[in-house]
Amino acid sequence: MKALVIDDSRAMRLILGGTLKQLGYEVLEAGNGQEALDRIRDHGKPDVAMVDWNMPVMSGMEFVKAVRADASLDSLPLVMVTTETEMDQVASALEAGVNEYVMKPFTREALKGKLGMLGLVGV
């Protein structure tokens, strides 16, 4: 399975990517939403995208809306992985089309549980 990790923090991409690799995923990375759309165009649709909220160029919410507006990508499972904890922000992300929401910092078990809820558990 292939996961796309979208976060402007290189350290967070390494942490999240490492956790996903432990769960059996091949990992692609992007530093913002626009770069993520380019990665999808160049490498094909991943099995899941892990999306940060706050990024330059194209935010996580803008990425989510772009994916949900594209008929070829609208079934892509999206997991928002962010420090945004306000319930209205969680609700707006879910309304925009995010499938699951993970708060930073996260544990391997929490991430595995969210992926399991989407039927996407690796190891």
PDB file of N, CA and C in Angstrom:
ATOM      1  N   MET A   1       0.842  -1.183   0.000  1.00  0.00           N
ATOM      2  CA  MET A   1       0.000   0.000   0.000  1.00  0.00           C
ATOM      3  C   MET A   1       0.887   1.246   0.000  1.00  0.00           C
ATOM      4  N   LYS A   2       0.351   2.308  -0.572  1.00  0.00           N
ATOM      5  CA  LYS A   2       1.106   3.551  -0.709  1.00  0.00           C
ATOM      6  C   LYS A   2       0.406   4.677   0.049  1.00  0.00           C
ATOM      7  N   ALA A   3       1.200   5.425   0.841  1.00  0.00           N
ATOM      8  CA  ALA A   3       0.673   6.573   1.588  1.00  0.00           C
ATOM      9  C   ALA A   3       1.415   7.829   1.149  1.00  0.00           C
ATOM     10  N   LEU A   4       0.682   8.922   1.030  1.00  0.00           N
ATOM     11  CA  LEU A   4       1.259  10.226   0.736  1.00  0.00           C
ATOM     12  C   LEU A   4       1.205  11.057   2.012  1.00  0.00           C
ATOM     13  N   VAL A   5       2.372  11.484   2.499  1.00  0.00           N
ATOM     14  CA  VAL A   5       2.477  12.299   3.703  1.00  0.00           C
ATOM     15  C   VAL A   5       2.682  13.741   3.275  1.00  0.00           C
ATOM     16  N   ILE A   6       1.741  14.616   3.663  1.00  0.00           N
ATOM     17  CA  ILE A   6       1.774  16.020   3.250  1.00  0.00           C
ATOM     18  C   ILE A   6       1.917  16.887   4.493  1.00  0.00           C
ATOM     19  N   ASP A   7       3.100  17.477   4.654  1.00  0.00           N
ATOM     20  CA  ASP A   7       3.372  18.314   5.819  1.00  0.00           C
ATOM     21  C   ASP A   7       4.540  19.225   5.476  1.00  0.00           C
ATOM     22  N   ASP A   8       4.472  20.488   5.880  1.00  0.00           N
ATOM     23  CA  ASP A   8       5.570  21.408   5.585  1.00  0.00           C
ATOM     24  C   ASP A   8       6.769  21.201   6.502  1.00  0.00           C
ATOM     25  N   SER A   9       6.611  20.429   7.561  1.00  0.00           N
ATOM     26  CA  SER A   9       7.714  20.127   8.476  1.00  0.00           C
ATOM     27  C   SER A   9       8.418  18.844   8.026  1.00  0.00           C
ATOM     28  N   ARG A  10       9.682  18.966   7.658  1.00  0.00           N
ATOM     29  CA  ARG A  10      10.447  17.787   7.246  1.00  0.00           C
ATOM     30  C   ARG A  10      10.506  16.771   8.385  1.00  0.00           C
ATOM     31  N   ALA A  11      10.690  17.258   9.616  1.00  0.00           N
ATOM     32  CA  ALA A  11      10.752  16.365  10.779  1.00  0.00           C
ATOM     33  C   ALA A  11       9.449  15.578  10.924  1.00  0.00           C
ATOM     34  N   MET A  12       8.309  16.243  10.758  1.00  0.00           N
ATOM     35  CA  MET A  12       7.026  15.543  10.886  1.00  0.00           C
ATOM     36  C   MET A  12       6.839  14.542   9.747  1.00  0.00           C
ATOM     37  N   ARG A  13       7.293  14.895   8.541  1.00  0.00           N
ATOM     38  CA  ARG A  13       7.208  13.934   7.434  1.00  0.00           C
ATOM     39  C   ARG A  13       8.023  12.682   7.754  1.00  0.00           C
ATOM     40  N   LEU A  14       9.203  12.872   8.360  1.00  0.00           N
ATOM     41  CA  LEU A  14      10.037  11.727   8.732  1.00  0.00           C
ATOM     42  C   LEU A  14       9.377  10.879   9.814  1.00  0.00           C
ATOM     43  N   ILE A  15       8.812  11.526  10.828  1.00  0.00           N
ATOM     44  CA  ILE A  15       8.156  10.804  11.923  1.00  0.00           C
ATOM     45  C   ILE A  15       6.935  10.040  11.411  1.00  0.00           C
ATOM     46  N   LEU A  16       6.076  10.732  10.705  1.00  0.00           N
ATOM     47  CA  LEU A  16       4.846  10.103  10.198  1.00  0.00           C
ATOM     48  C   LEU A  16       5.182   9.045   9.153  1.00  0.00           C
ATOM     49  N   GLY A  17       6.113   9.375   8.266  1.00  0.00           N
ATOM     50  CA  GLY A  17       6.524   8.417   7.245  1.00  0.00           C
ATOM     51  C   GLY A  17       7.135   7.167   7.849  1.00  0.00           C
ATOM     52  N   GLY A  18       7.970   7.341   8.885  1.00  0.00           N
ATOM     53  CA  GLY A  18       8.572   6.194   9.557  1.00  0.00           C
ATOM     54  C   GLY A  18       7.527   5.294  10.197  1.00  0.00           C
ATOM     55  N   THR A  19       6.536   5.910  10.815  1.00  0.00           N
ATOM     56  CA  THR A  19       5.450   5.136  11.434  1.00  0.00           C
ATOM     57  C   THR A  19       4.674   4.368  10.371  1.00  0.00           C
ATOM     58  N   LEU A  20       4.375   5.021   9.263  1.00  0.00           N
ATOM     59  CA  LEU A  20       3.640   4.351   8.184  1.00  0.00           C
ATOM     60  C   LEU A  20       4.458   3.211   7.576  1.00  0.00           C
ATOM     61  N   LYS A  21       5.763   3.401   7.455  1.00  0.00           N
ATOM     62  CA  LYS A  21       6.616   2.321   6.934  1.00  0.00           C
ATOM     63  C   LYS A  21       6.572   1.113   7.866  1.00  0.00           C
ATOM     64  N   GLN A  22       6.551   1.364   9.196  1.00  0.00           N
ATOM     65  CA  GLN A  22       6.439   0.264  10.165  1.00  0.00           C
ATOM     66  C   GLN A  22       5.118  -0.476   9.987  1.00  0.00           C
ATOM     67  N   LEU A  23       4.113   0.230   9.499  1.00  0.00           N
ATOM     68  CA  LEU A  23       2.796  -0.386   9.287  1.00  0.00           C
ATOM     69  C   LEU A  23       2.670  -1.011   7.896  1.00  0.00           C
ATOM     70  N   GLY A  24       3.774  -1.011   7.149  1.00  0.00           N
ATOM     71  CA  GLY A  24       3.785  -1.704   5.865  1.00  0.00           C
ATOM     72  C   GLY A  24       3.529  -0.843   4.642  1.00  0.00           C
ATOM     73  N   TYR A  25       3.561   0.467   4.793  1.00  0.00           N
ATOM     74  CA  TYR A  25       3.295   1.367   3.670  1.00  0.00           C
ATOM     75  C   TYR A  25       4.567   1.780   2.946  1.00  0.00           C
ATOM     76  N   GLU A  26       4.444   1.970   1.647  1.00  0.00           N
ATOM     77  CA  GLU A  26       5.430   2.696   0.862  1.00  0.00           C
ATOM     78  C   GLU A  26       5.029   4.160   1.014  1.00  0.00           C
ATOM     79  N   VAL A  27       5.988   5.052   1.267  1.00  0.00           N
ATOM     80  CA  VAL A  27       5.658   6.438   1.594  1.00  0.00           C
ATOM     81  C   VAL A  27       6.198   7.416   0.550  1.00  0.00           C
ATOM     82  N   LEU A  28       5.329   8.300   0.090  1.00  0.00           N
ATOM     83  CA  LEU A  28       5.699   9.449  -0.725  1.00  0.00           C
ATOM     84  C   LEU A  28       5.504  10.677   0.146  1.00  0.00           C
ATOM     85  N   GLU A  29       6.281  11.732  -0.089  1.00  0.00           N
ATOM     86  CA  GLU A  29       6.183  12.941   0.725  1.00  0.00           C
ATOM     87  C   GLU A  29       5.915  14.165  -0.136  1.00  0.00           C
ATOM     88  N   ALA A  30       5.263  15.156   0.484  1.00  0.00           N
ATOM     89  CA  ALA A  30       5.053  16.461  -0.136  1.00  0.00           C
ATOM     90  C   ALA A  30       5.067  17.513   0.961  1.00  0.00           C
ATOM     91  N   GLY A  31       5.590  18.703   0.644  1.00  0.00           N
ATOM     92  CA  GLY A  31       5.710  19.774   1.620  1.00  0.00           C
ATOM     93  C   GLY A  31       4.523  20.709   1.687  1.00  0.00           C
ATOM     94  N   ASN A  32       3.560  20.560   0.755  1.00  0.00           N
ATOM     95  CA  ASN A  32       2.339  21.360   0.775  1.00  0.00           C
ATOM     96  C   ASN A  32       1.320  20.712  -0.160  1.00  0.00           C
ATOM     97  N   GLY A  33       0.112  21.245  -0.163  1.00  0.00           N
ATOM     98  CA  GLY A  33      -0.955  20.652  -0.953  1.00  0.00           C
ATOM     99  C   GLY A  33      -0.687  20.644  -2.446  1.00  0.00           C
ATOM    100  N   GLN A  34      -0.110  21.715  -2.976  1.00  0.00           N
ATOM    101  CA  GLN A  34       0.171  21.760  -4.409  1.00  0.00           C
ATOM    102  C   GLN A  34       1.214  20.712  -4.794  1.00  0.00           C
ATOM    103  N   GLU A  35       2.243  20.597  -3.980  1.00  0.00           N
ATOM    104  CA  GLU A  35       3.259  19.575  -4.226  1.00  0.00           C
ATOM    105  C   GLU A  35       2.636  18.181  -4.160  1.00  0.00           C
ATOM    106  N   ALA A  36       1.685  17.994  -3.259  1.00  0.00           N
ATOM    107  CA  ALA A  36       0.998  16.703  -3.143  1.00  0.00           C
ATOM    108  C   ALA A  36       0.205  16.388  -4.406  1.00  0.00           C
ATOM    109  N   LEU A  37      -0.501  17.380  -4.951  1.00  0.00           N
ATOM    110  CA  LEU A  37      -1.241  17.154  -6.197  1.00  0.00           C
ATOM    111  C   LEU A  37      -0.281  16.795  -7.330  1.00  0.00           C
ATOM    112  N   ASP A  38       0.886  17.432  -7.352  1.00  0.00           N
ATOM    113  CA  ASP A  38       1.900  17.110  -8.353  1.00  0.00           C
ATOM    114  C   ASP A  38       2.395  15.679  -8.178  1.00  0.00           C
ATOM    115  N   ARG A  39       2.611  15.245  -6.934  1.00  0.00           N
ATOM    116  CA  ARG A  39       3.070  13.873  -6.658  1.00  0.00           C
ATOM    117  C   ARG A  39       2.029  12.862  -7.139  1.00  0.00           C
ATOM    118  N   ILE A  40       0.764  13.148  -6.881  1.00  0.00           N
ATOM    119  CA  ILE A  40      -0.308  12.247  -7.318  1.00  0.00           C
ATOM    120  C   ILE A  40      -0.320  12.173  -8.840  1.00  0.00           C
ATOM    121  N   ARG A  41      -0.177  13.308  -9.496  1.00  0.00           N
ATOM    122  CA  ARG A  41      -0.158  13.329 -10.958  1.00  0.00           C
ATOM    123  C   ARG A  41       1.012  12.503 -11.491  1.00  0.00           C
ATOM    124  N   ASP A  42       2.183  12.618 -10.853  1.00  0.00           N
ATOM    125  CA  ASP A  42       3.387  11.947 -11.335  1.00  0.00           C
ATOM    126  C   ASP A  42       3.475  10.472 -10.929  1.00  0.00           C
ATOM    127  N   HIS A  43       2.927  10.106  -9.758  1.00  0.00           N
ATOM    128  CA  HIS A  43       3.097   8.753  -9.221  1.00  0.00           C
ATOM    129  C   HIS A  43       1.793   7.971  -9.078  1.00  0.00           C
ATOM    130  N   GLY A  44       0.676   8.548  -9.430  1.00  0.00           N
ATOM    131  CA  GLY A  44      -0.604   7.869  -9.294  1.00  0.00           C
ATOM    132  C   GLY A  44      -1.227   8.090  -7.922  1.00  0.00           C
ATOM    133  N   LYS A  45      -2.494   7.731  -7.830  1.00  0.00           N
ATOM    134  CA  LYS A  45      -3.249   7.933  -6.593  1.00  0.00           C
ATOM    135  C   LYS A  45      -2.762   6.972  -5.515  1.00  0.00           C
ATOM    136  N   PRO A  46      -2.412   7.498  -4.329  1.00  0.00           N
ATOM    137  CA  PRO A  46      -2.007   6.616  -3.227  1.00  0.00           C
ATOM    138  C   PRO A  46      -3.235   5.938  -2.610  1.00  0.00           C
ATOM    139  N   ASP A  47      -2.974   5.026  -1.677  1.00  0.00           N
ATOM    140  CA  ASP A  47      -4.074   4.362  -0.967  1.00  0.00           C
ATOM    141  C   ASP A  47      -4.651   5.249   0.122  1.00  0.00           C
ATOM    142  N   VAL A  48      -3.828   6.201   0.620  1.00  0.00           N
ATOM    143  CA  VAL A  48      -4.272   7.132   1.655  1.00  0.00           C
ATOM    144  C   VAL A  48      -3.356   8.357   1.612  1.00  0.00           C
ATOM    145  N   ALA A  49      -3.911   9.511   1.975  1.00  0.00           N
ATOM    146  CA  ALA A  49      -3.114  10.729   2.120  1.00  0.00           C
ATOM    147  C   ALA A  49      -3.245  11.227   3.551  1.00  0.00           C
ATOM    148  N   MET A  50      -2.101  11.492   4.164  1.00  0.00           N
ATOM    149  CA  MET A  50      -2.035  12.028   5.522  1.00  0.00           C
ATOM    150  C   MET A  50      -1.725  13.515   5.373  1.00  0.00           C
ATOM    151  N   VAL A  51      -2.633  14.385   5.796  1.00  0.00           N
ATOM    152  CA  VAL A  51      -2.564  15.802   5.453  1.00  0.00           C
ATOM    153  C   VAL A  51      -2.465  16.691   6.688  1.00  0.00           C
ATOM    154  N   ASP A  52      -1.454  17.564   6.702  1.00  0.00           N
ATOM    155  CA  ASP A  52      -1.347  18.599   7.728  1.00  0.00           C
ATOM    156  C   ASP A  52      -2.316  19.723   7.360  1.00  0.00           C
ATOM    157  N   TRP A  53      -2.729  20.502   8.343  1.00  0.00           N
ATOM    158  CA  TRP A  53      -3.665  21.598   8.102  1.00  0.00           C
ATOM    159  C   TRP A  53      -2.935  22.846   7.604  1.00  0.00           C
ATOM    160  N   ASN A  54      -1.970  23.307   8.394  1.00  0.00           N
ATOM    161  CA  ASN A  54      -1.301  24.588   8.135  1.00  0.00           C
ATOM    162  C   ASN A  54      -0.030  24.393   7.328  1.00  0.00           C
ATOM    163  N   MET A  55      -0.073  24.801   6.064  1.00  0.00           N
ATOM    164  CA  MET A  55       1.088  24.710   5.176  1.00  0.00           C
ATOM    165  C   MET A  55       1.083  25.906   4.237  1.00  0.00           C
ATOM    166  N   PRO A  56       2.271  26.291   3.751  1.00  0.00           N
ATOM    167  CA  PRO A  56       2.333  27.376   2.766  1.00  0.00           C
ATOM    168  C   PRO A  56       1.874  26.879   1.388  1.00  0.00           C
ATOM    169  N   VAL A  57       1.702  27.782   0.471  1.00  0.00           N
ATOM    170  CA  VAL A  57       1.337  27.525  -0.928  1.00  0.00           C
ATOM    171  C   VAL A  57      -0.097  27.015  -1.046  1.00  0.00           C
ATOM    172  N   MET A  58      -0.374  25.818  -0.521  1.00  0.00           N
ATOM    173  CA  MET A  58      -1.731  25.256  -0.499  1.00  0.00           C
ATOM    174  C   MET A  58      -1.912  24.530   0.821  1.00  0.00           C
ATOM    175  N   SER A  59      -2.851  25.004   1.631  1.00  0.00           N
ATOM    176  CA  SER A  59      -3.095  24.410   2.953  1.00  0.00           C
ATOM    177  C   SER A  59      -3.726  23.024   2.831  1.00  0.00           C
ATOM    178  N   GLY A  60      -3.788  22.345   3.952  1.00  0.00           N
ATOM    179  CA  GLY A  60      -4.435  21.041   3.987  1.00  0.00           C
ATOM    180  C   GLY A  60      -5.897  21.107   3.600  1.00  0.00           C
ATOM    181  N   MET A  61      -6.599  22.125   4.086  1.00  0.00           N
ATOM    182  CA  MET A  61      -8.020  22.263   3.736  1.00  0.00           C
ATOM    183  C   MET A  61      -8.191  22.539   2.243  1.00  0.00           C
ATOM    184  N   GLU A  62      -7.330  23.359   1.672  1.00  0.00           N
ATOM    185  CA  GLU A  62      -7.398  23.614   0.228  1.00  0.00           C
ATOM    186  C   GLU A  62      -7.125  22.339  -0.561  1.00  0.00           C
ATOM    187  N   PHE A  63      -6.171  21.534  -0.077  1.00  0.00           N
ATOM    188  CA  PHE A  63      -5.873  20.250  -0.714  1.00  0.00           C
ATOM    189  C   PHE A  63      -7.085  19.324  -0.647  1.00  0.00           C
ATOM    190  N   VAL A  64      -7.695  19.232   0.538  1.00  0.00           N
ATOM    191  CA  VAL A  64      -8.871  18.371   0.718  1.00  0.00           C
ATOM    192  C   VAL A  64      -9.973  18.780  -0.265  1.00  0.00           C
ATOM    193  N   LYS A  65     -10.245  20.064  -0.364  1.00  0.00           N
ATOM    194  CA  LYS A  65     -11.293  20.553  -1.271  1.00  0.00           C
ATOM    195  C   LYS A  65     -10.945  20.267  -2.726  1.00  0.00           C
ATOM    196  N   ALA A  66      -9.667  20.407  -3.094  1.00  0.00           N
ATOM    197  CA  ALA A  66      -9.240  20.120  -4.472  1.00  0.00           C
ATOM    198  C   ALA A  66      -9.410  18.638  -4.797  1.00  0.00           C
ATOM    199  N   VAL A  67      -9.044  17.773  -3.846  1.00  0.00           N
ATOM    200  CA  VAL A  67      -9.184  16.331  -4.057  1.00  0.00           C
ATOM    201  C   VAL A  67     -10.658  15.953  -4.185  1.00  0.00           C
ATOM    202  N   ARG A  68     -11.490  16.466  -3.294  1.00  0.00           N
ATOM    203  CA  ARG A  68     -12.911  16.111  -3.329  1.00  0.00           C
ATOM    204  C   ARG A  68     -13.623  16.673  -4.563  1.00  0.00           C
ATOM    205  N   ALA A  69     -13.070  17.719  -5.182  1.00  0.00           N
ATOM    206  CA  ALA A  69     -13.663  18.297  -6.391  1.00  0.00           C
ATOM    207  C   ALA A  69     -13.215  17.569  -7.660  1.00  0.00           C
ATOM    208  N   ASP A  70     -12.228  16.678  -7.544  1.00  0.00           N
ATOM    209  CA  ASP A  70     -11.682  15.958  -8.695  1.00  0.00           C
ATOM    210  C   ASP A  70     -12.281  14.553  -8.722  1.00  0.00           C
ATOM    211  N   ALA A  71     -13.057  14.255  -9.743  1.00  0.00           N
ATOM    212  CA  ALA A  71     -13.752  12.969  -9.825  1.00  0.00           C
ATOM    213  C   ALA A  71     -12.787  11.782  -9.801  1.00  0.00           C
ATOM    214  N   SER A  72     -11.570  11.952 -10.301  1.00  0.00           N
ATOM    215  CA  SER A  72     -10.621  10.843 -10.325  1.00  0.00           C
ATOM    216  C   SER A  72      -9.969  10.604  -8.958  1.00  0.00           C
ATOM    217  N   LEU A  73     -10.128  11.571  -8.039  1.00  0.00           N
ATOM    218  CA  LEU A  73      -9.503  11.459  -6.717  1.00  0.00           C
ATOM    219  C   LEU A  73     -10.505  11.448  -5.571  1.00  0.00           C
ATOM    220  N   ASP A  74     -11.780  11.667  -5.850  1.00  0.00           N
ATOM    221  CA  ASP A  74     -12.739  11.903  -4.762  1.00  0.00           C
ATOM    222  C   ASP A  74     -12.913  10.727  -3.805  1.00  0.00           C
ATOM    223  N   SER A  75     -12.452   9.537  -4.197  1.00  0.00           N
ATOM    224  CA  SER A  75     -12.547   8.382  -3.291  1.00  0.00           C
ATOM    225  C   SER A  75     -11.275   8.181  -2.462  1.00  0.00           C
ATOM    226  N   LEU A  76     -10.264   9.042  -2.652  1.00  0.00           N
ATOM    227  CA  LEU A  76      -9.006   8.924  -1.907  1.00  0.00           C
ATOM    228  C   LEU A  76      -9.249   9.151  -0.417  1.00  0.00           C
ATOM    229  N   PRO A  77      -8.908   8.163   0.435  1.00  0.00           N
ATOM    230  CA  PRO A  77      -9.059   8.372   1.878  1.00  0.00           C
ATOM    231  C   PRO A  77      -8.093   9.453   2.367  1.00  0.00           C
ATOM    232  N   LEU A  78      -8.622  10.416   3.124  1.00  0.00           N
ATOM    233  CA  LEU A  78      -7.840  11.532   3.634  1.00  0.00           C
ATOM    234  C   LEU A  78      -7.868  11.537   5.156  1.00  0.00           C
ATOM    235  N   VAL A  79      -6.679  11.597   5.762  1.00  0.00           N
ATOM    236  CA  VAL A  79      -6.555  11.671   7.211  1.00  0.00           C
ATOM    237  C   VAL A  79      -5.856  12.987   7.545  1.00  0.00           C
ATOM    238  N   MET A  80      -6.537  13.867   8.248  1.00  0.00           N
ATOM    239  CA  MET A  80      -5.947  15.129   8.682  1.00  0.00           C
ATOM    240  C   MET A  80      -5.111  14.839   9.923  1.00  0.00           C
ATOM    241  N   VAL A  81      -3.818  15.163   9.871  1.00  0.00           N
ATOM    242  CA  VAL A  81      -2.899  14.952  10.988  1.00  0.00           C
ATOM    243  C   VAL A  81      -2.380  16.329  11.375  1.00  0.00           C
ATOM    244  N   THR A  82      -2.856  16.866  12.497  1.00  0.00           N
ATOM    245  CA  THR A  82      -2.610  18.272  12.785  1.00  0.00           C
ATOM    246  C   THR A  82      -2.632  18.578  14.274  1.00  0.00           C
ATOM    247  N   THR A  83      -2.163  19.754  14.621  1.00  0.00           N
ATOM    248  CA  THR A  83      -2.246  20.242  15.993  1.00  0.00           C
ATOM    249  C   THR A  83      -3.541  21.007  16.230  1.00  0.00           C
ATOM    250  N   GLU A  84      -4.328  21.214  15.185  1.00  0.00           N
ATOM    251  CA  GLU A  84      -5.601  21.933  15.329  1.00  0.00           C
ATOM    252  C   GLU A  84      -6.582  21.068  16.103  1.00  0.00           C
ATOM    253  N   THR A  85      -6.978  21.525  17.281  1.00  0.00           N
ATOM    254  CA  THR A  85      -7.819  20.692  18.150  1.00  0.00           C
ATOM    255  C   THR A  85      -9.201  21.286  18.415  1.00  0.00           C
ATOM    256  N   GLU A  86      -9.471  22.489  17.919  1.00  0.00           N
ATOM    257  CA  GLU A  86     -10.782  23.104  18.139  1.00  0.00           C
ATOM    258  C   GLU A  86     -11.863  22.269  17.451  1.00  0.00           C
ATOM    259  N   MET A  87     -12.948  22.015  18.167  1.00  0.00           N
ATOM    260  CA  MET A  87     -14.000  21.160  17.617  1.00  0.00           C
ATOM    261  C   MET A  87     -14.612  21.724  16.336  1.00  0.00           C
ATOM    262  N   ASP A  88     -14.693  23.060  16.212  1.00  0.00           N
ATOM    263  CA  ASP A  88     -15.245  23.621  14.977  1.00  0.00           C
ATOM    264  C   ASP A  88     -14.307  23.371  13.795  1.00  0.00           C
ATOM    265  N   GLN A  89     -12.993  23.333  14.062  1.00  0.00           N
ATOM    266  CA  GLN A  89     -12.043  23.026  12.989  1.00  0.00           C
ATOM    267  C   GLN A  89     -12.129  21.559  12.599  1.00  0.00           C
ATOM    268  N   VAL A  90     -12.257  20.681  13.580  1.00  0.00           N
ATOM    269  CA  VAL A  90     -12.429  19.257  13.300  1.00  0.00           C
ATOM    270  C   VAL A  90     -13.690  19.071  12.456  1.00  0.00           C
ATOM    271  N   ALA A  91     -14.773  19.714  12.864  1.00  0.00           N
ATOM    272  CA  ALA A  91     -16.037  19.599  12.140  1.00  0.00           C
ATOM    273  C   ALA A  91     -15.913  20.121  10.716  1.00  0.00           C
ATOM    274  N   SER A  92     -15.231  21.254  10.533  1.00  0.00           N
ATOM    275  CA  SER A  92     -15.113  21.806   9.176  1.00  0.00           C
ATOM    276  C   SER A  92     -14.255  20.896   8.296  1.00  0.00           C
ATOM    277  N   ALA A  93     -13.229  20.262   8.864  1.00  0.00           N
ATOM    278  CA  ALA A  93     -12.410  19.324   8.094  1.00  0.00           C
ATOM    279  C   ALA A  93     -13.243  18.113   7.665  1.00  0.00           C
ATOM    280  N   LEU A  94     -14.041  17.593   8.588  1.00  0.00           N
ATOM    281  CA  LEU A  94     -14.894  16.449   8.259  1.00  0.00           C
ATOM    282  C   LEU A  94     -15.933  16.826   7.211  1.00  0.00           C
ATOM    283  N   GLU A  95     -16.502  18.020   7.335  1.00  0.00           N
ATOM    284  CA  GLU A  95     -17.482  18.494   6.346  1.00  0.00           C
ATOM    285  C   GLU A  95     -16.848  18.667   4.967  1.00  0.00           C
ATOM    286  N   ALA A  96     -15.568  19.059   4.934  1.00  0.00           N
ATOM    287  CA  ALA A  96     -14.860  19.263   3.660  1.00  0.00           C
ATOM    288  C   ALA A  96     -14.508  17.941   2.983  1.00  0.00           C
ATOM    289  N   GLY A  97     -14.560  16.843   3.742  1.00  0.00           N
ATOM    290  CA  GLY A  97     -14.314  15.542   3.134  1.00  0.00           C
ATOM    291  C   GLY A  97     -13.200  14.719   3.737  1.00  0.00           C
ATOM    292  N   VAL A  98     -12.650  15.148   4.872  1.00  0.00           N
ATOM    293  CA  VAL A  98     -11.636  14.353   5.558  1.00  0.00           C
ATOM    294  C   VAL A  98     -12.319  13.115   6.141  1.00  0.00           C
ATOM    295  N   ASN A  99     -11.685  11.953   5.997  1.00  0.00           N
ATOM    296  CA  ASN A  99     -12.267  10.716   6.510  1.00  0.00           C
ATOM    297  C   ASN A  99     -11.977  10.499   7.991  1.00  0.00           C
ATOM    298  N   GLU A 100     -10.772  10.867   8.426  1.00  0.00           N
ATOM    299  CA  GLU A 100     -10.379  10.704   9.825  1.00  0.00           C
ATOM    300  C   GLU A 100      -9.525  11.888  10.237  1.00  0.00           C
ATOM    301  N   TYR A 101      -9.380  12.070  11.547  1.00  0.00           N
ATOM    302  CA  TYR A 101      -8.674  13.220  12.097  1.00  0.00           C
ATOM    303  C   TYR A 101      -7.759  12.716  13.205  1.00  0.00           C
ATOM    304  N   VAL A 102      -6.457  12.982  13.111  1.00  0.00           N
ATOM    305  CA  VAL A 102      -5.480  12.548  14.114  1.00  0.00           C
ATOM    306  C   VAL A 102      -4.800  13.783  14.691  1.00  0.00           C
ATOM    307  N   MET A 103      -4.773  13.872  16.011  1.00  0.00           N
ATOM    308  CA  MET A 103      -4.137  15.005  16.687  1.00  0.00           C
ATOM    309  C   MET A 103      -2.647  14.726  16.894  1.00  0.00           C
ATOM    310  N   LYS A 104      -1.809  15.745  16.634  1.00  0.00           N
ATOM    311  CA  LYS A 104      -0.386  15.671  16.967  1.00  0.00           C
ATOM    312  C   LYS A 104      -0.224  16.101  18.422  1.00  0.00           C
ATOM    313  N   PRO A 105       0.642  15.467  19.190  1.00  0.00           N
ATOM    314  CA  PRO A 105       1.423  14.286  18.819  1.00  0.00           C
ATOM    315  C   PRO A 105       0.542  13.041  18.831  1.00  0.00           C
ATOM    316  N   PHE A 106       0.899  12.069  18.050  1.00  0.00           N
ATOM    317  CA  PHE A 106       0.119  10.839  17.926  1.00  0.00           C
ATOM    318  C   PHE A 106       1.002   9.653  18.275  1.00  0.00           C
ATOM    319  N   THR A 107       0.364   8.529  18.545  1.00  0.00           N
ATOM    320  CA  THR A 107       1.101   7.285  18.782  1.00  0.00           C
ATOM    321  C   THR A 107       0.917   6.378  17.571  1.00  0.00           C
ATOM    322  N   ARG A 108       1.792   5.401  17.461  1.00  0.00           N
ATOM    323  CA  ARG A 108       1.675   4.413  16.375  1.00  0.00           C
ATOM    324  C   ARG A 108       0.314   3.712  16.466  1.00  0.00           C
ATOM    325  N   GLU A 109      -0.097   3.406  17.697  1.00  0.00           N
ATOM    326  CA  GLU A 109      -1.364   2.696  17.896  1.00  0.00           C
ATOM    327  C   GLU A 109      -2.555   3.553  17.458  1.00  0.00           C
ATOM    328  N   ALA A 110      -2.505   4.853  17.761  1.00  0.00           N
ATOM    329  CA  ALA A 110      -3.598   5.742  17.359  1.00  0.00           C
ATOM    330  C   ALA A 110      -3.687   5.820  15.841  1.00  0.00           C
ATOM    331  N   LEU A 111      -2.539   5.938  15.190  1.00  0.00           N
ATOM    332  CA  LEU A 111      -2.508   6.010  13.736  1.00  0.00           C
ATOM    333  C   LEU A 111      -3.005   4.702  13.129  1.00  0.00           C
ATOM    334  N   LYS A 112      -2.537   3.595  13.673  1.00  0.00           N
ATOM    335  CA  LYS A 112      -2.970   2.278  13.188  1.00  0.00           C
ATOM    336  C   LYS A 112      -4.484   2.117  13.363  1.00  0.00           C
ATOM    337  N   GLY A 113      -5.005   2.603  14.496  1.00  0.00           N
ATOM    338  CA  GLY A 113      -6.443   2.521  14.736  1.00  0.00           C
ATOM    339  C   GLY A 113      -7.251   3.312  13.719  1.00  0.00           C
ATOM    340  N   LYS A 114      -6.809   4.526  13.411  1.00  0.00           N
ATOM    341  CA  LYS A 114      -7.517   5.347  12.422  1.00  0.00           C
ATOM    342  C   LYS A 114      -7.468   4.701  11.040  1.00  0.00           C
ATOM    343  N   LEU A 115      -6.290   4.175  10.662  1.00  0.00           N
ATOM    344  CA  LEU A 115      -6.178   3.497   9.372  1.00  0.00           C
ATOM    345  C   LEU A 115      -7.036   2.234   9.353  1.00  0.00           C
ATOM    346  N   GLY A 116      -7.103   1.544  10.487  1.00  0.00           N
ATOM    347  CA  GLY A 116      -7.953   0.365  10.597  1.00  0.00           C
ATOM    348  C   GLY A 116      -9.420   0.702  10.398  1.00  0.00           C
ATOM    349  N   MET A 117      -9.842   1.860  10.914  1.00  0.00           N
ATOM    350  CA  MET A 117     -11.232   2.286  10.739  1.00  0.00           C
ATOM    351  C   MET A 117     -11.552   2.519   9.258  1.00  0.00           C
ATOM    352  N   LEU A 118     -10.511   2.807   8.471  1.00  0.00           N
ATOM    353  CA  LEU A 118     -10.691   3.024   7.035  1.00  0.00           C
ATOM    354  C   LEU A 118     -10.430   1.738   6.243  1.00  0.00           C
ATOM    355  N   GLY A 119     -10.124   0.642   6.939  1.00  0.00           N
ATOM    356  CA  GLY A 119      -9.818  -0.625   6.268  1.00  0.00           C
ATOM    357  C   GLY A 119      -8.454  -0.613   5.599  1.00  0.00           C
ATOM    358  N   LEU A 120      -7.520   0.177   6.160  1.00  0.00           N
ATOM    359  CA  LEU A 120      -6.220   0.372   5.520  1.00  0.00           C
ATOM    360  C   LEU A 120      -5.041  -0.021   6.410  1.00  0.00           C
ATOM    361  N   VAL A 121      -5.203  -0.998   7.271  1.00  0.00           N
ATOM    362  CA  VAL A 121      -4.114  -1.380   8.164  1.00  0.00           C
ATOM    363  C   VAL A 121      -3.127  -2.235   7.408  1.00  0.00           C
ATOM    364  N   GLY A 122      -1.840  -1.874   7.542  1.00  0.00           N
ATOM    365  CA  GLY A 122      -0.772  -2.668   6.943  1.00  0.00           C
ATOM    366  C   GLY A 122      -0.428  -3.815   7.855  1.00  0.00           C
ATOM    367  N   VAL A 123       0.736  -3.721   8.517  1.00  0.00           N
ATOM    368  CA  VAL A 123       1.220  -4.799   9.399  1.00  0.00           C
ATOM    369  C   VAL A 123       0.463  -4.771  10.713  1.00  0.00           C
TER     370      VAL A 123
END
